[in-house]
Amino acid sequence: MHKFNGRQYPCCASLTMGIIGGKWKTVILFYLMGKTLRYNELRKKMPTVTERTLSLQLKTLEEDGIIKRKVYTSKPPLRVEYSLTDFGNTLIPLIQSIADWGDYVVENYSK
């Protein structure tokens, strides 16, 4: 058994998928690779995700230490930015490999 943030996983692959799995987490991480984005910028890049889902996924990634959330309150309007943590940056090769494989599939197996 593997344990991470109070959750148990039967193997290392299930732990990885528990952290980055699902429809939107990998997409969020892909867009945050090497850059910081505001909430609305992320929303524009993922127009089919609901606000509730995006908020929940961002919260989960933040709780797992994968992304950091910075709130600027010095002057209105409130501004929130998201970026990868050092721990999150360790996922870049994995996310890039997933993206590269997706490109490969489109180029070679798309009808």
C-alpha atoms as a PDB file:
ATOM      1  CA  MET A   1       0.000   0.000   0.000  1.00  0.00           C
ATOM      2  CA  HIS A   2       1.076   3.530  -0.774  1.00  0.00           C
ATOM      3  CA  LYS A   3      -0.081   6.442   1.344  1.00  0.00           C
ATOM      4  CA  PHE A   4      -0.269  10.116   0.327  1.00  0.00           C
ATOM      5  CA  ASN A   5      -2.076  12.972   2.092  1.00  0.00           C
ATOM      6  CA  GLY A   6      -4.076  10.590   4.262  1.00  0.00           C
ATOM      7  CA  ARG A   7      -5.283   8.488   1.332  1.00  0.00           C
ATOM      8  CA  GLN A   8      -4.172   4.937   0.592  1.00  0.00           C
ATOM      9  CA  TYR A   9      -3.485   3.525  -2.850  1.00  0.00           C
ATOM     10  CA  PRO A  10      -2.906  -0.119  -3.811  1.00  0.00           C
ATOM     11  CA  CYS A  11       0.031   0.710  -6.117  1.00  0.00           C
ATOM     12  CA  CYS A  12       2.184   3.588  -7.310  1.00  0.00           C
ATOM     13  CA  ALA A  13       0.217   3.896 -10.580  1.00  0.00           C
ATOM     14  CA  SER A  14      -3.054   4.361  -8.707  1.00  0.00           C
ATOM     15  CA  LEU A  15      -1.385   6.991  -6.508  1.00  0.00           C
ATOM     16  CA  THR A  16      -0.286   8.911  -9.607  1.00  0.00           C
ATOM     17  CA  MET A  17      -3.747   8.689 -11.149  1.00  0.00           C
ATOM     18  CA  GLY A  18      -5.296   9.671  -7.839  1.00  0.00           C
ATOM     19  CA  ILE A  19      -3.308  12.895  -7.924  1.00  0.00           C
ATOM     20  CA  ILE A  20      -3.540  13.824 -11.620  1.00  0.00           C
ATOM     21  CA  GLY A  21      -6.375  11.624 -12.887  1.00  0.00           C
ATOM     22  CA  GLY A  22      -9.766  12.743 -14.026  1.00  0.00           C
ATOM     23  CA  LYS A  23     -10.885  14.795 -16.967  1.00  0.00           C
ATOM     24  CA  TRP A  24      -9.507  18.198 -15.968  1.00  0.00           C
ATOM     25  CA  LYS A  25      -6.505  17.929 -13.639  1.00  0.00           C
ATOM     26  CA  THR A  26      -4.046  16.994 -16.383  1.00  0.00           C
ATOM     27  CA  VAL A  27      -5.423  19.767 -18.596  1.00  0.00           C
ATOM     28  CA  ILE A  28      -4.932  22.305 -15.795  1.00  0.00           C
ATOM     29  CA  LEU A  29      -1.382  21.086 -15.225  1.00  0.00           C
ATOM     30  CA  PHE A  30      -0.648  21.223 -18.962  1.00  0.00           C
ATOM     31  CA  TYR A  31      -1.661  24.890 -19.125  1.00  0.00           C
ATOM     32  CA  LEU A  32       0.321  25.763 -15.981  1.00  0.00           C
ATOM     33  CA  MET A  33       3.572  24.201 -17.225  1.00  0.00           C
ATOM     34  CA  GLY A  34       6.122  26.990 -17.125  1.00  0.00           C
ATOM     35  CA  LYS A  35       3.631  29.789 -16.527  1.00  0.00           C
ATOM     36  CA  THR A  36       1.350  31.440 -14.030  1.00  0.00           C
ATOM     37  CA  LEU A  37      -2.289  31.945 -15.004  1.00  0.00           C
ATOM     38  CA  ARG A  38      -5.211  33.731 -13.453  1.00  0.00           C
ATOM     39  CA  TYR A  39      -8.458  31.861 -12.856  1.00  0.00           C
ATOM     40  CA  ASN A  40     -10.202  33.524 -15.817  1.00  0.00           C
ATOM     41  CA  GLU A  41      -7.275  32.725 -18.117  1.00  0.00           C
ATOM     42  CA  LEU A  42      -7.636  29.057 -17.203  1.00  0.00           C
ATOM     43  CA  ARG A  43     -11.394  29.253 -17.812  1.00  0.00           C
ATOM     44  CA  LYS A  44     -10.827  30.671 -21.300  1.00  0.00           C
ATOM     45  CA  LYS A  45      -8.440  27.846 -22.164  1.00  0.00           C
ATOM     46  CA  MET A  46     -11.010  25.266 -21.004  1.00  0.00           C
ATOM     47  CA  PRO A  47     -14.367  26.666 -22.139  1.00  0.00           C
ATOM     48  CA  THR A  48     -16.299  23.423 -21.559  1.00  0.00           C
ATOM     49  CA  VAL A  49     -15.368  23.020 -17.876  1.00  0.00           C
ATOM     50  CA  THR A  50     -17.904  24.347 -15.386  1.00  0.00           C
ATOM     51  CA  GLU A  51     -16.805  26.929 -12.825  1.00  0.00           C
ATOM     52  CA  ARG A  52     -17.640  24.538 -10.010  1.00  0.00           C
ATOM     53  CA  THR A  53     -15.552  21.730 -11.487  1.00  0.00           C
ATOM     54  CA  LEU A  54     -12.604  24.009 -12.207  1.00  0.00           C
ATOM     55  CA  SER A  55     -12.710  25.415  -8.670  1.00  0.00           C
ATOM     56  CA  LEU A  56     -12.875  21.927  -7.128  1.00  0.00           C
ATOM     57  CA  GLN A  57     -10.022  20.605  -9.271  1.00  0.00           C
ATOM     58  CA  LEU A  58      -7.846  23.626  -8.459  1.00  0.00           C
ATOM     59  CA  LYS A  59      -8.600  23.203  -4.757  1.00  0.00           C
ATOM     60  CA  THR A  60      -7.682  19.494  -4.846  1.00  0.00           C
ATOM     61  CA  LEU A  61      -4.434  20.171  -6.719  1.00  0.00           C
ATOM     62  CA  GLU A  62      -3.594  22.880  -4.194  1.00  0.00           C
ATOM     63  CA  GLU A  63      -4.350  20.573  -1.239  1.00  0.00           C
ATOM     64  CA  ASP A  64      -2.061  17.927  -2.766  1.00  0.00           C
ATOM     65  CA  GLY A  65       0.740  20.509  -3.041  1.00  0.00           C
ATOM     66  CA  ILE A  66       0.845  20.378  -6.842  1.00  0.00           C
ATOM     67  CA  ILE A  67      -0.167  23.982  -7.505  1.00  0.00           C
ATOM     68  CA  LYS A  68       0.011  27.170  -5.491  1.00  0.00           C
ATOM     69  CA  ARG A  69      -2.639  29.843  -5.318  1.00  0.00           C
ATOM     70  CA  LYS A  70      -1.617  33.451  -4.815  1.00  0.00           C
ATOM     71  CA  VAL A  71      -4.240  36.048  -3.953  1.00  0.00           C
ATOM     72  CA  TYR A  72      -3.571  39.729  -4.564  1.00  0.00           C
ATOM     73  CA  THR A  73      -5.768  41.919  -2.395  1.00  0.00           C
ATOM     74  CA  SER A  74      -3.836  45.181  -2.482  1.00  0.00           C
ATOM     75  CA  LYS A  75      -6.247  46.858  -4.866  1.00  0.00           C
ATOM     76  CA  PRO A  76      -9.632  45.883  -6.274  1.00  0.00           C
ATOM     77  CA  PRO A  77     -10.562  43.795  -8.119  1.00  0.00           C
ATOM     78  CA  LEU A  78      -9.293  40.716  -6.312  1.00  0.00           C
ATOM     79  CA  ARG A  79      -6.777  38.788  -8.420  1.00  0.00           C
ATOM     80  CA  VAL A  80      -5.941  35.092  -7.993  1.00  0.00           C
ATOM     81  CA  GLU A  81      -3.055  33.409  -9.801  1.00  0.00           C
ATOM     82  CA  TYR A  82      -2.153  29.734 -10.053  1.00  0.00           C
ATOM     83  CA  SER A  83       1.228  28.166 -10.771  1.00  0.00           C
ATOM     84  CA  LEU A  84       3.001  24.861 -10.250  1.00  0.00           C
ATOM     85  CA  THR A  85       4.880  24.276  -7.013  1.00  0.00           C
ATOM     86  CA  ASP A  86       8.335  22.686  -7.021  1.00  0.00           C
ATOM     87  CA  PHE A  87       6.548  19.386  -6.363  1.00  0.00           C
ATOM     88  CA  GLY A  88       4.169  20.121  -9.256  1.00  0.00           C
ATOM     89  CA  ASN A  89       7.115  20.824 -11.556  1.00  0.00           C
ATOM     90  CA  THR A  90       8.225  17.203 -11.084  1.00  0.00           C
ATOM     91  CA  LEU A  91       5.115  16.253 -13.103  1.00  0.00           C
ATOM     92  CA  ILE A  92       6.177  18.233 -16.197  1.00  0.00           C
ATOM     93  CA  PRO A  93       7.933  15.292 -17.949  1.00  0.00           C
ATOM     94  CA  LEU A  94       4.885  13.093 -17.309  1.00  0.00           C
ATOM     95  CA  ILE A  95       2.372  15.697 -18.503  1.00  0.00           C
ATOM     96  CA  GLN A  96       4.537  16.451 -21.552  1.00  0.00           C
ATOM     97  CA  SER A  97       4.695  12.727 -22.385  1.00  0.00           C
ATOM     98  CA  ILE A  98       0.898  12.473 -22.127  1.00  0.00           C
ATOM     99  CA  ALA A  99       0.524  15.503 -24.429  1.00  0.00           C
ATOM    100  CA  ASP A 100       3.080  14.116 -26.908  1.00  0.00           C
ATOM    101  CA  TRP A 101       1.262  10.779 -26.993  1.00  0.00           C
ATOM    102  CA  GLY A 102      -2.010  12.594 -27.691  1.00  0.00           C
ATOM    103  CA  ASP A 103      -0.377  14.400 -30.631  1.00  0.00           C
ATOM    104  CA  TYR A 104       0.980  11.058 -31.893  1.00  0.00           C
ATOM    105  CA  VAL A 105      -2.479   9.473 -31.753  1.00  0.00           C
ATOM    106  CA  VAL A 106      -4.062  12.355 -33.659  1.00  0.00           C
ATOM    107  CA  GLU A 107      -1.350  12.266 -36.333  1.00  0.00           C
ATOM    108  CA  ASN A 108      -1.289   8.477 -36.774  1.00  0.00           C
ATOM    109  CA  TYR A 109      -4.632   7.009 -35.776  1.00  0.00           C
ATOM    110  CA  SER A 110      -7.174   9.732 -36.346  1.00  0.00           C
ATOM    111  CA  LYS A 111      -9.889   9.050 -38.929  1.00  0.00           C
END
